[in-house]
Amino acid sequence: MIITAATASDGADWAALRQALWPRHGLDTHAAAIAQILAAPKDLANFVARTADGSAVGIAEAALRHDYVNGCQTSPVAFLEGIYVVPEHRRNGVASMLVDAVEDWARRLGCSEFASDAAIDNTESHRMHAALGFEETQRVVYFRKALSNDPADH
C-alpha cells in the first residue's frame, strides 16, 4: 500500500472516494471542493491510499482546527475530517496507514492532540476510531431553531 499526499492528479479518484463517503453530494460538488482545497491548502492535509497497481482504495482528509475542539485541551488540534477505505480493502491496515500519515503531518505542525467525530448512531465508525487508538471524549446532540426575521412572528 502506498500513501501519498493528494494532488490534482488524484482528483478523479479522490472525488469518487469522497462520493462513497459522503453520497448525498454529487461528483461535481466533490470535484469543486477538491479544487478549492488544492487552491488554498493552508491548514489542510489530504492523503490517498493506492495499491501497488495504482488503484485508489482510501482517502483521509484532515484540517488544523484553531477553534475549540470538543474533548481537547490544546490549540491548534489536528482533526480527521473524513476517512474512507473501499470495503474490500478494510481490515487490512489501510485506515491505520492513512491515520499515521495525518499524525505525522500534525506532529510536524506542533500538534499534541488529534481529534475526530462521528454521528452518534454510526457505531461502525466508533469501532474504527477505537481500533485506530482514538478514545471517546463525549457525546453531543446538537439542536437548531430557525429564526424568523418577520417582526410579526415575535
Protein backbone atom coordinates (compact mmCIF):
# COMPACT_ATOMS: atom_id res chain seq x y z
CA MET A 1 0.00 0.00 0.00
CA ILE A 2 1.29 3.43 -0.94
CA ILE A 3 0.11 6.53 0.95
CA THR A 4 0.75 9.89 -0.69
CA ALA A 5 -0.40 13.46 -0.26
CA ALA A 6 -3.34 14.03 -2.59
CA THR A 7 -2.64 16.20 -5.64
CA ALA A 8 -4.60 17.41 -8.65
CA SER A 9 -3.68 14.21 -10.50
CA ASP A 10 -5.61 12.28 -7.83
CA GLY A 11 -8.72 14.40 -8.42
CA ALA A 12 -10.98 11.86 -10.14
CA ASP A 13 -10.14 9.05 -7.73
CA TRP A 14 -10.33 11.40 -4.75
CA ALA A 15 -13.76 12.64 -5.83
CA ALA A 16 -15.04 9.08 -6.33
CA LEU A 17 -13.87 8.09 -2.82
CA ARG A 18 -15.42 11.25 -1.34
CA GLN A 19 -18.65 10.34 -3.15
CA ALA A 20 -18.60 6.92 -1.47
CA LEU A 21 -18.02 8.56 1.93
CA TRP A 22 -20.46 11.45 1.50
CA PRO A 23 -23.00 10.19 -1.07
CA ARG A 24 -25.55 12.99 -0.67
CA HIS A 25 -23.23 15.28 -2.63
CA GLY A 26 -22.64 14.75 -6.34
CA LEU A 27 -19.30 14.16 -8.03
CA ASP A 28 -19.34 17.72 -9.36
CA THR A 29 -19.67 19.06 -5.81
CA HIS A 30 -16.77 16.89 -4.65
CA ALA A 31 -14.63 17.92 -7.63
CA ALA A 32 -15.31 21.59 -6.85
CA ALA A 33 -14.43 21.04 -3.18
CA ILE A 34 -11.18 19.33 -4.17
CA ALA A 35 -10.27 22.21 -6.49
CA GLN A 36 -10.91 24.63 -3.63
CA ILE A 37 -8.82 22.53 -1.22
CA LEU A 38 -5.92 22.38 -3.67
CA ALA A 39 -6.13 26.11 -4.40
CA ALA A 40 -5.88 27.03 -0.70
CA PRO A 41 -4.27 24.13 1.14
CA LYS A 42 -3.40 26.12 4.28
CA ASP A 43 -4.12 24.05 7.40
CA LEU A 44 -5.33 21.06 5.34
CA ALA A 45 -3.86 17.64 4.69
CA ASN A 46 -5.28 15.07 2.29
CA PHE A 47 -3.93 11.61 1.62
CA VAL A 48 -4.71 8.86 -0.88
CA ALA A 49 -4.02 5.15 -0.37
CA ARG A 50 -3.16 3.21 -3.51
CA THR A 51 -2.44 -0.44 -4.12
CA ALA A 52 0.76 -1.49 -5.85
CA ASP A 53 -1.11 -1.44 -9.18
CA GLY A 54 -2.17 2.18 -8.60
CA SER A 55 -5.81 1.63 -7.65
CA ALA A 56 -7.07 4.25 -5.20
CA VAL A 57 -8.61 2.43 -2.23
CA GLY A 58 -8.76 5.05 0.52
CA ILE A 59 -8.57 8.69 1.49
CA ALA A 60 -8.07 10.71 4.65
CA GLU A 61 -8.83 14.41 4.92
CA ALA A 62 -7.66 16.45 7.89
CA ALA A 63 -7.61 20.05 8.99
CA LEU A 64 -5.83 22.08 11.59
CA ARG A 65 -8.56 23.50 13.82
CA HIS A 66 -7.83 26.60 15.84
CA ASP A 67 -11.28 26.84 17.43
CA TYR A 68 -12.31 24.78 20.45
CA VAL A 69 -12.46 21.07 19.66
CA ASN A 70 -14.69 19.04 21.97
CA GLY A 71 -12.67 16.90 24.36
CA CYS A 72 -9.34 18.60 23.58
CA GLN A 73 -7.25 20.87 25.76
CA THR A 74 -4.84 22.43 23.28
CA SER A 75 -4.95 24.50 20.14
CA PRO A 76 -4.47 24.00 17.32
CA VAL A 77 -5.76 20.44 17.03
CA ALA A 78 -5.40 18.14 14.05
CA PHE A 79 -8.89 16.99 13.10
CA LEU A 80 -9.77 14.00 10.95
CA GLU A 81 -12.50 15.46 8.76
CA GLY A 82 -13.10 12.27 6.81
CA ILE A 83 -11.65 8.84 6.18
CA TYR A 84 -12.80 6.19 3.77
CA VAL A 85 -11.48 2.82 2.66
CA VAL A 86 -13.26 0.80 -0.01
CA PRO A 87 -14.98 -2.18 1.64
CA GLU A 88 -12.85 -4.90 0.04
CA HIS A 89 -9.68 -3.30 1.48
CA ARG A 90 -10.96 -2.76 5.03
CA ARG A 91 -9.38 -4.55 7.99
CA ASN A 92 -6.03 -4.66 6.18
CA GLY A 93 -4.39 -1.67 7.87
CA VAL A 94 -5.22 0.91 5.18
CA ALA A 95 -7.06 3.23 7.57
CA SER A 96 -4.22 2.90 10.05
CA MET A 97 -1.66 3.92 7.40
CA LEU A 98 -3.81 6.89 6.38
CA VAL A 99 -4.17 7.99 10.01
CA ASP A 100 -0.40 7.57 10.53
CA ALA A 101 0.17 9.97 7.60
CA VAL A 102 -2.18 12.52 9.17
CA GLU A 103 -0.49 12.11 12.56
CA ASP A 104 2.94 12.72 11.02
CA TRP A 105 1.60 15.88 9.36
CA ALA A 106 0.09 17.05 12.65
CA ARG A 107 3.28 16.43 14.61
CA ARG A 108 5.28 18.45 12.07
CA LEU A 109 2.90 21.34 12.78
CA GLY A 110 3.41 21.02 16.53
CA CYS A 111 0.06 19.47 17.40
CA SER A 112 -0.19 17.41 20.55
CA GLU A 113 -3.79 16.28 20.02
CA PHE A 114 -5.63 14.61 17.17
CA ALA A 115 -9.42 14.54 17.17
CA SER A 116 -12.31 13.32 15.08
CA ASP A 117 -16.04 12.84 15.29
CA ALA A 118 -18.75 10.51 14.09
CA ALA A 119 -22.52 10.56 14.05
CA ILE A 120 -23.92 9.28 17.31
CA ASP A 121 -25.53 6.29 15.60
CA ASN A 122 -22.52 5.39 13.40
CA THR A 123 -21.26 2.53 15.53
CA GLU A 124 -19.09 1.17 12.70
CA SER A 125 -17.15 4.44 12.74
CA HIS A 126 -16.96 4.33 16.54
CA ARG A 127 -15.36 0.87 16.36
CA MET A 128 -12.92 2.02 13.65
CA HIS A 129 -11.88 5.06 15.70
CA ALA A 130 -11.30 2.87 18.77
CA ALA A 131 -9.23 0.43 16.69
CA LEU A 132 -7.14 3.37 15.45
CA GLY A 133 -6.36 4.46 19.01
CA PHE A 134 -8.90 7.26 19.45
CA GLU A 135 -10.71 7.49 22.77
CA GLU A 136 -14.26 8.74 23.07
CA THR A 137 -14.39 12.04 24.96
CA GLN A 138 -18.07 12.97 24.95
CA ARG A 139 -21.40 12.55 23.20
CA VAL A 140 -23.34 15.51 21.92
CA VAL A 141 -26.69 16.08 20.30
CA TYR A 142 -26.90 19.43 18.51
CA PHE A 143 -30.14 21.38 18.25
CA ARG A 144 -31.31 24.09 15.87
CA LYS A 145 -34.17 26.53 15.81
CA ALA A 146 -34.95 28.66 12.77
CA LEU A 147 -35.34 32.36 13.49
CA SER A 148 -37.78 34.46 11.58
CA ASN A 149 -36.87 37.96 10.51
CA ASP A 150 -40.52 38.97 10.43
CA PRO A 151 -41.34 41.17 13.49
CA ALA A 152 -44.93 39.84 13.43
CA ASP A 153 -43.57 36.42 14.43
CA HIS A 154 -42.10 37.74 17.68
